[in-house]
Protein backbone atom coordinates (compact mmCIF):
# COMPACT_ATOMS: atom_id res chain seq x y z
CA MET A 1 -68.93 170.33 -104.29
CA THR A 2 -70.57 167.76 -102.03
CA ASP A 3 -71.99 165.42 -104.72
CA GLY A 4 -70.68 164.39 -108.15
CA THR A 5 -67.32 163.48 -109.64
CA ILE A 6 -63.91 165.08 -109.88
CA LEU A 7 -61.20 164.19 -112.40
CA ILE A 8 -57.72 164.18 -110.89
CA ASP A 9 -54.32 163.80 -112.57
CA LYS A 10 -52.57 161.70 -109.94
CA PRO A 11 -48.90 162.54 -109.33
CA ALA A 12 -46.19 159.90 -109.02
CA ASP A 13 -45.05 158.54 -105.65
CA MET A 14 -48.46 158.83 -104.01
CA THR A 15 -51.05 156.18 -103.28
CA SER A 16 -54.58 156.46 -104.63
CA PHE A 17 -55.80 156.53 -101.03
CA GLY A 18 -53.45 159.46 -100.41
CA VAL A 19 -55.10 161.39 -103.24
CA VAL A 20 -58.54 160.64 -101.84
CA ALA A 21 -57.54 161.72 -98.34
CA ARG A 22 -56.18 165.06 -99.55
CA ILE A 23 -59.23 165.88 -101.64
CA ARG A 24 -61.56 164.79 -98.83
CA ARG A 25 -59.80 167.14 -96.44
CA VAL A 26 -60.08 170.11 -98.80
CA LEU A 27 -63.73 169.52 -99.67
CA SER A 28 -64.69 168.92 -96.04
CA GLU A 29 -62.98 172.17 -94.99
CA ARG A 30 -64.81 174.08 -97.72
CA ALA A 31 -68.18 172.54 -96.87
CA GLY A 32 -67.74 172.84 -93.12
CA LYS A 33 -68.67 169.19 -92.73
CA LYS A 34 -67.27 165.79 -93.57
CA VAL A 35 -67.61 165.05 -97.28
CA LYS A 36 -67.53 161.46 -98.51
CA VAL A 37 -64.93 160.83 -101.21
CA GLY A 38 -63.94 157.59 -102.90
CA HIS A 39 -61.90 156.53 -105.93
CA THR A 40 -63.05 154.27 -108.73
CA GLY A 41 -59.89 152.30 -109.45
CA THR A 42 -56.47 152.13 -107.85
CA LEU A 43 -53.38 153.50 -109.57
CA ASP A 44 -50.05 152.17 -108.31
CA PRO A 45 -47.94 154.68 -106.35
CA PHE A 46 -45.35 154.99 -109.15
CA ALA A 47 -48.07 155.57 -111.76
CA THR A 48 -49.61 158.86 -112.82
CA GLY A 49 -52.73 159.93 -114.64
CA LEU A 50 -56.48 159.96 -114.54
CA MET A 51 -58.48 159.11 -111.45
CA ILE A 52 -62.23 159.59 -111.18
CA LEU A 53 -63.19 160.52 -107.64
CA CYS A 54 -66.80 160.12 -106.51
CA ILE A 55 -68.14 162.72 -104.12
CA GLY A 56 -71.01 162.35 -101.66
CA LYS A 57 -74.05 160.51 -103.02
CA GLU A 58 -72.18 159.64 -106.24
CA CYS A 59 -70.06 157.19 -104.22
CA ARG A 60 -72.93 154.70 -104.51
CA ASN A 61 -72.20 154.58 -108.27
CA ALA A 62 -68.45 153.95 -107.92
CA GLY A 63 -68.80 150.40 -109.22
CA HIS A 64 -70.05 151.70 -112.57
CA TYR A 65 -66.88 153.72 -113.17
CA THR A 66 -64.64 150.87 -112.03
CA LYS A 67 -65.92 148.60 -114.81
CA LEU A 68 -65.09 151.00 -117.65
CA ASP A 69 -62.33 150.51 -120.25
CA LYS A 70 -59.06 152.38 -119.81
CA VAL A 71 -56.20 153.65 -121.95
CA TYR A 72 -52.62 153.65 -120.66
CA GLU A 73 -49.22 154.75 -121.87
CA ALA A 74 -46.36 152.75 -120.40
CA THR A 75 -42.68 151.96 -120.70
CA PHE A 76 -41.41 148.42 -120.22
CA ARG A 77 -37.72 147.74 -119.55
CA LEU A 78 -36.36 144.55 -121.09
CA GLY A 79 -33.53 142.47 -119.66
CA GLN A 80 -34.53 142.98 -116.03
CA MET A 81 -37.26 141.77 -113.70
CA SER A 82 -38.88 143.26 -110.62
CA SER A 83 -40.40 141.40 -107.68
CA THR A 84 -43.39 143.74 -107.88
CA GLY A 85 -43.42 144.33 -111.64
CA ASP A 86 -42.55 148.00 -111.15
CA PRO A 87 -39.66 150.23 -109.96
CA GLU A 88 -40.55 149.71 -106.29
CA GLY A 89 -39.57 146.05 -106.23
CA GLU A 90 -36.27 144.21 -106.08
CA ILE A 91 -34.67 144.52 -109.52
CA THR A 92 -32.66 141.64 -110.96
CA THR A 93 -30.92 141.15 -114.30
CA ALA A 94 -32.61 138.50 -116.41
CA SER A 95 -31.01 138.57 -119.86
CA ASN A 96 -28.65 140.50 -122.12
CA ALA A 97 -30.52 139.48 -125.26
CA GLN A 98 -31.68 142.38 -127.42
CA PRO A 99 -34.79 141.46 -129.43
CA THR A 100 -35.29 143.06 -132.84
CA ILE A 101 -38.23 145.37 -133.41
CA ASP A 102 -39.85 142.67 -135.54
CA GLU A 103 -39.58 140.21 -132.64
CA VAL A 104 -41.19 142.76 -130.33
CA LYS A 105 -44.04 143.34 -132.79
CA ARG A 106 -44.63 139.59 -133.13
CA VAL A 107 -44.97 139.27 -129.36
CA PHE A 108 -47.48 142.13 -129.38
CA LYS A 109 -49.78 139.98 -131.50
CA GLN A 110 -49.88 137.37 -128.73
CA PHE A 111 -51.44 139.95 -126.42
CA SER A 112 -54.35 141.18 -128.52
CA GLY A 113 -58.01 140.47 -127.87
CA GLU A 114 -59.13 138.27 -124.98
CA ILE A 115 -56.22 136.84 -122.99
CA MET A 116 -55.77 135.08 -119.66
CA GLN A 117 -53.77 137.12 -117.18
CA LYS A 118 -52.49 136.51 -113.66
CA PRO A 119 -52.68 139.65 -111.49
CA PRO A 120 -49.52 140.65 -109.56
CA ILE A 121 -49.19 139.36 -106.02
CA TYR A 122 -48.45 142.95 -105.01
CA SER A 123 -51.94 144.21 -105.81
CA ALA A 124 -55.02 145.45 -103.97
CA LEU A 125 -57.02 142.36 -104.88
CA LYS A 126 -58.43 140.48 -101.91
CA ILE A 127 -57.46 136.86 -101.26
CA GLY A 128 -59.43 135.25 -98.45
CA GLY A 129 -60.56 138.67 -97.27
CA GLN A 130 -57.04 140.16 -97.15
CA ARG A 131 -55.24 142.41 -99.62
CA ALA A 132 -52.79 140.43 -101.74
CA TYR A 133 -50.02 142.95 -101.09
CA ASP A 134 -50.46 142.56 -97.32
CA LEU A 135 -50.09 138.78 -97.62
CA ALA A 136 -47.07 139.18 -99.90
CA ARG A 137 -45.36 141.53 -97.44
CA GLN A 138 -45.91 138.92 -94.72
CA GLY A 139 -43.93 136.48 -96.85
CA LYS A 140 -46.91 134.22 -97.43
CA GLU A 141 -47.17 132.21 -100.63
CA ILE A 142 -50.06 133.39 -102.77
CA GLU A 143 -51.59 131.72 -105.79
CA MET A 144 -53.26 134.47 -107.80
CA PRO A 145 -56.13 133.13 -109.93
CA MET A 146 -55.91 133.63 -113.69
CA ARG A 147 -58.66 135.76 -115.18
CA LYS A 148 -59.84 136.83 -118.60
CA VAL A 149 -59.13 140.40 -119.73
CA THR A 150 -59.37 142.12 -123.09
CA ILE A 151 -56.61 144.05 -124.85
CA HIS A 152 -58.59 146.10 -127.36
CA SER A 153 -55.48 147.65 -128.89
CA LEU A 154 -51.73 147.51 -128.25
CA GLU A 155 -49.58 150.04 -130.08
CA LEU A 156 -45.79 150.20 -130.14
CA VAL A 157 -44.91 153.87 -129.68
CA ASP A 158 -41.13 153.48 -129.56
CA TYR A 159 -38.51 150.79 -129.11
CA THR A 160 -35.05 151.83 -128.07
CA TYR A 161 -33.51 148.92 -126.21
CA PRO A 162 -34.02 148.27 -123.36
CA ASN A 163 -37.16 150.40 -123.31
CA VAL A 164 -40.41 149.52 -125.05
CA LYS A 165 -42.98 152.32 -125.03
CA ILE A 166 -46.60 151.34 -125.59
CA ARG A 167 -50.11 152.73 -125.69
CA THR A 168 -52.90 150.29 -124.92
CA HIS A 169 -56.68 150.28 -124.60
CA VAL A 170 -57.77 147.60 -122.15
CA SER A 171 -60.76 146.27 -120.28
CA SER A 172 -61.30 146.84 -116.59
CA GLY A 173 -59.20 144.55 -114.43
CA THR A 174 -56.19 144.48 -116.75
CA TYR A 175 -52.83 144.89 -115.00
CA ILE A 176 -50.19 146.64 -117.09
CA ARG A 177 -47.47 145.34 -114.75
CA SER A 178 -48.58 141.80 -115.55
CA LEU A 179 -48.62 142.64 -119.26
CA ALA A 180 -45.00 143.81 -118.99
CA GLN A 181 -43.93 140.64 -117.20
CA ASP A 182 -45.80 138.37 -119.62
CA MET A 183 -44.33 140.12 -122.65
CA GLY A 184 -40.85 139.88 -121.14
CA GLU A 185 -41.36 136.16 -120.64
CA ALA A 186 -42.57 135.73 -124.23
CA LEU A 187 -39.48 137.57 -125.50
CA GLY A 188 -37.20 135.52 -123.25
CA THR A 189 -35.68 138.67 -121.78
CA GLY A 190 -37.76 139.40 -118.71
CA ALA A 191 -39.31 142.86 -118.30
CA TYR A 192 -40.99 145.16 -115.84
CA CYS A 193 -42.99 148.38 -116.04
CA VAL A 194 -40.88 151.46 -115.32
CA GLN A 195 -43.43 154.14 -116.25
CA LEU A 196 -47.22 154.06 -116.31
CA ARG A 197 -49.75 156.77 -117.07
CA ARG A 198 -53.53 156.40 -117.32
CA ILE A 199 -54.69 158.55 -120.22
CA SER A 200 -58.41 157.95 -120.18
CA ILE A 201 -61.32 156.09 -118.61
CA ALA A 202 -64.09 155.59 -121.17
CA ASP A 203 -64.72 159.12 -122.54
CA TRP A 204 -63.04 160.97 -119.66
CA THR A 205 -59.46 162.05 -120.40
CA VAL A 206 -56.57 163.23 -118.28
CA ALA A 207 -56.42 166.40 -120.36
CA ASP A 208 -59.61 167.51 -118.57
CA ALA A 209 -58.36 166.57 -115.10
CA GLN A 210 -57.31 168.87 -112.28
CA THR A 211 -54.15 168.50 -110.24
CA LEU A 212 -53.79 168.48 -106.48
CA LEU A 213 -52.22 171.92 -106.77
CA ASP A 214 -55.51 173.18 -108.22
CA PHE A 215 -56.98 172.30 -104.81
CA GLY A 216 -54.15 174.00 -102.96
CA VAL A 217 -52.61 170.67 -102.01
CA ASP A 218 -48.87 170.16 -102.19
CA SER A 219 -48.25 166.65 -103.48
């Protein structure tokens, strides 16, 4: 393939750019020429799940895919906080309080529909032309602008303290790490995202995706 899209089930502990580079190498070797490959939305290194890769001429339409709604499954850990909102950051204990399931459900209602959300400082968003995570790693203070996102649905899958498992359908631009931190603040316990999997992007699902192994790539 030199034009079109490929659905990939991203493995954990790999950057989205790493996935793109591996697929680009394979496709270029098969085609005998350099093939253009781009992704349509970053997944954090610890996260897994669906990525839509644009190939060749389809790269010009990448912005269309980026704007689509997404569905995620995630696990939030209460009682602790992370400097990055995920397992890769510095973890600190925040509280020993154990909310009841009713308290958790009440907090869920605060995060339904249109909400204002502050993206994580460790994100790929650009601030003054530089990636926020690059500025954060340089120790610079960053004020991330609040923005409006939409939580179409937020389902509690399981609650076994300290872990809250959710499934959520969100608009483009929603950060699940920020959702975890905001919910932890609302509960008074602190929280961070320990597991994250993208299940679908619009009508495309991870069940239809290929793995890197399908391309002969060892992740």
